[in-house]
Amino acid sequence: MMTDREKTQAQIEARLRQFGQTISELKVKTERRQDKYIGQMEQTLDDIEKQHEKVRQRLQTMPSLADDDWSSAENDINGYLEDIDAGLRGAMAYYK
């Protein structure tokens, strides 16, 4: 049986995988589109990827954290995930 920590970590990992897939799809769309906004979109996706990597690295440290530190890390990660989600939603809206 999974602990609450393990469940939370698994949920975060699942979101990261989904975000990674969406980032990849948007990069392909950006390369195909080749319009005047390509530079701006590439920069947006680069920024989102940096946040994605930051979350991935932070997630790797979580199993060894004490309860207080783990809770703080979880809150930080959730904030980053919301930022990534908002960035991806904005980027996807560009292609609709």
Protein backbone atom coordinates (compact mmCIF):
# COMPACT_ATOMS: atom_id res chain seq x y z
CA MET A 1 0.00 0.00 0.00
CA MET A 2 1.29 3.43 -0.95
CA THR A 3 1.84 6.11 1.63
CA ASP A 4 0.34 9.57 1.17
CA ARG A 5 3.79 10.83 0.18
CA GLU A 6 4.16 8.13 -2.46
CA LYS A 7 0.70 8.86 -3.84
CA THR A 8 1.43 12.57 -4.03
CA GLN A 9 4.77 11.94 -5.68
CA ALA A 10 3.17 9.58 -8.22
CA GLN A 11 0.53 12.22 -9.04
CA ILE A 12 3.21 14.87 -9.55
CA GLU A 13 5.22 12.50 -11.76
CA ALA A 14 2.11 11.80 -13.86
CA ARG A 15 1.49 15.53 -14.33
CA LEU A 16 5.13 16.02 -15.31
CA ARG A 17 4.89 13.28 -17.93
CA GLN A 18 1.74 14.85 -19.37
CA PHE A 19 3.30 18.30 -19.39
CA GLY A 20 6.42 16.87 -21.07
CA GLN A 21 4.29 15.35 -23.80
CA THR A 22 2.40 18.62 -24.30
CA ILE A 23 5.66 20.58 -24.49
CA SER A 24 6.94 18.20 -27.18
CA GLU A 25 3.72 18.51 -29.18
CA LEU A 26 3.82 22.31 -28.99
CA LYS A 27 7.46 22.38 -30.14
CA VAL A 28 6.52 20.38 -33.23
CA LYS A 29 3.58 22.71 -33.95
CA THR A 30 5.84 25.74 -33.50
CA GLU A 31 8.41 24.37 -35.94
CA ARG A 32 5.70 23.65 -38.51
CA ARG A 33 4.00 27.00 -38.17
CA GLN A 34 6.99 29.21 -38.98
CA ASP A 35 5.26 32.57 -38.58
CA LYS A 36 6.37 35.89 -37.14
CA TYR A 37 5.66 34.70 -33.59
CA ILE A 38 7.96 31.66 -33.73
CA GLY A 39 10.71 33.34 -31.68
CA GLN A 40 8.29 34.34 -28.96
CA MET A 41 6.71 30.89 -28.86
CA GLU A 42 10.12 29.18 -28.73
CA GLN A 43 11.10 31.39 -25.80
CA THR A 44 7.84 30.63 -24.01
CA LEU A 45 8.36 26.89 -24.46
CA ASP A 46 12.00 27.17 -23.31
CA ASP A 47 10.85 28.94 -20.14
CA ILE A 48 8.22 26.27 -19.53
CA GLU A 49 10.83 23.54 -20.07
CA LYS A 50 13.12 25.15 -17.50
CA GLN A 51 10.31 25.14 -14.96
CA HIS A 52 9.54 21.53 -15.87
CA GLU A 53 13.17 20.54 -15.25
CA LYS A 54 13.21 22.44 -11.95
CA VAL A 55 10.18 20.45 -10.76
CA ARG A 56 11.72 17.18 -11.93
CA GLN A 57 14.93 17.88 -10.00
CA ARG A 58 13.06 18.99 -6.89
CA LEU A 59 10.91 15.87 -7.04
CA GLN A 60 14.00 13.66 -6.96
CA THR A 61 15.01 15.11 -3.58
CA MET A 62 11.60 14.68 -1.96
CA PRO A 63 11.84 11.07 -0.71
CA SER A 64 14.73 11.98 1.60
CA LEU A 65 13.12 15.10 3.11
CA ALA A 66 11.80 15.41 6.65
CA ASP A 67 8.06 16.05 7.04
CA ASP A 68 8.28 19.86 7.34
CA ASP A 69 10.67 20.14 4.42
CA TRP A 70 8.58 17.70 2.38
CA SER A 71 5.45 19.77 2.92
CA SER A 72 7.29 22.93 1.87
CA ALA A 73 8.71 21.20 -1.23
CA GLU A 74 5.24 19.91 -2.13
CA ASN A 75 3.83 23.45 -1.92
CA ASP A 76 6.69 24.80 -4.06
CA ILE A 77 6.19 22.07 -6.65
CA ASN A 78 2.44 22.63 -6.78
CA GLY A 79 3.08 26.32 -7.44
CA TYR A 80 5.49 25.48 -10.25
CA LEU A 81 3.01 22.99 -11.71
CA GLU A 82 0.30 25.64 -11.77
CA ASP A 83 2.70 28.03 -13.54
CA ILE A 84 3.58 25.34 -16.10
CA ASP A 85 -0.10 24.54 -16.62
CA ALA A 86 -0.95 28.21 -17.18
CA GLY A 87 1.97 28.63 -19.58
CA LEU A 88 0.97 25.57 -21.57
CA ARG A 89 -2.65 26.67 -21.73
CA GLY A 90 -1.54 30.04 -23.10
CA ALA A 91 0.72 28.37 -25.66
CA MET A 92 -2.02 25.96 -26.74
CA ALA A 93 -4.46 28.85 -27.17
CA TYR A 94 -2.08 30.28 -29.78
CA TYR A 95 -2.73 27.22 -31.98
CA LYS A 96 -6.52 27.23 -31.81
